């Protein structure tokens, strides 16, 4: 099996604009990126266009792998923006994600029921199936991210929805953070039907005290600096879908306190060390 490509997800350097993220990827050799349509829109507003951004990506030796993520317009979804760490971003919808994917040659669009109210499973399946059909017309793959306390709560639920849609381009985004939070294991990943996994978000985790409140967008660790059996999880994911890449998504106070370049450099060092120690 070829060496796993490990790229950079926007959450690891969430203060970066798109140009800064591309430049950080170039300096620290991240071959793939994942970010929301808002970063693309802000770059357009700053005077860039799709062609110039594609050239910047090529010159940097990186490419956008995943548009992150359709969360607006889904059944039960909140209509307001996503707010975290003092930042407010529009809640991406299908139109915004597809437009960015087509403009920047992005093959995969993440879909997350994040921040949504519970809805009947049938209603969610119908909506996602429609999105998948429209994505297929554009040559895109949908990768559903399971998040606890949403309509796609865990790995099992994501697989059930994917199968229920009946759409071949409906896959799962496997986030190692949410896998651990829901009690999932490498064995659960290995049991998935072949080709189920469309994308992989990678971080490590130290199990918090049982009485600790959950705070979104905090507490993640860089690979090799937590307690998760990441090698086993990643190997199971790659056995399921050999062509997947991984993007590092680590929301942490440590990285947030650094400059964008320092955070990217810190991430690259940790990834390279973990990769060398685990033969990934």
Foldseek 3Di string as FASTA:
>chain_A
DDDFQEAAECQLLVVDAPLLRLVLCLVLVRAEYEYELQSVVVVVVVPDFLVVSLVSNVVSNHAYAEHEAAQPPAVQGDQAFDDDPRDTDRRDHLVSSVVVCVSRVHAEHEYEPPRGADDPLVSRLVVVLVSLVVQVVVNHAYAYEAPCPGCRPADVSQLVSQVSSVRPRYAHEAEVVSCVVVVHALVVLLPRAAPRHDEYEDWAAADDPPPDDDDPLEGTHAPPPYDHPVLSNVVSNCVRPVPYHYHYNHRYPVSNVDHSNVSSNVNSVSVVVNCVVRVD
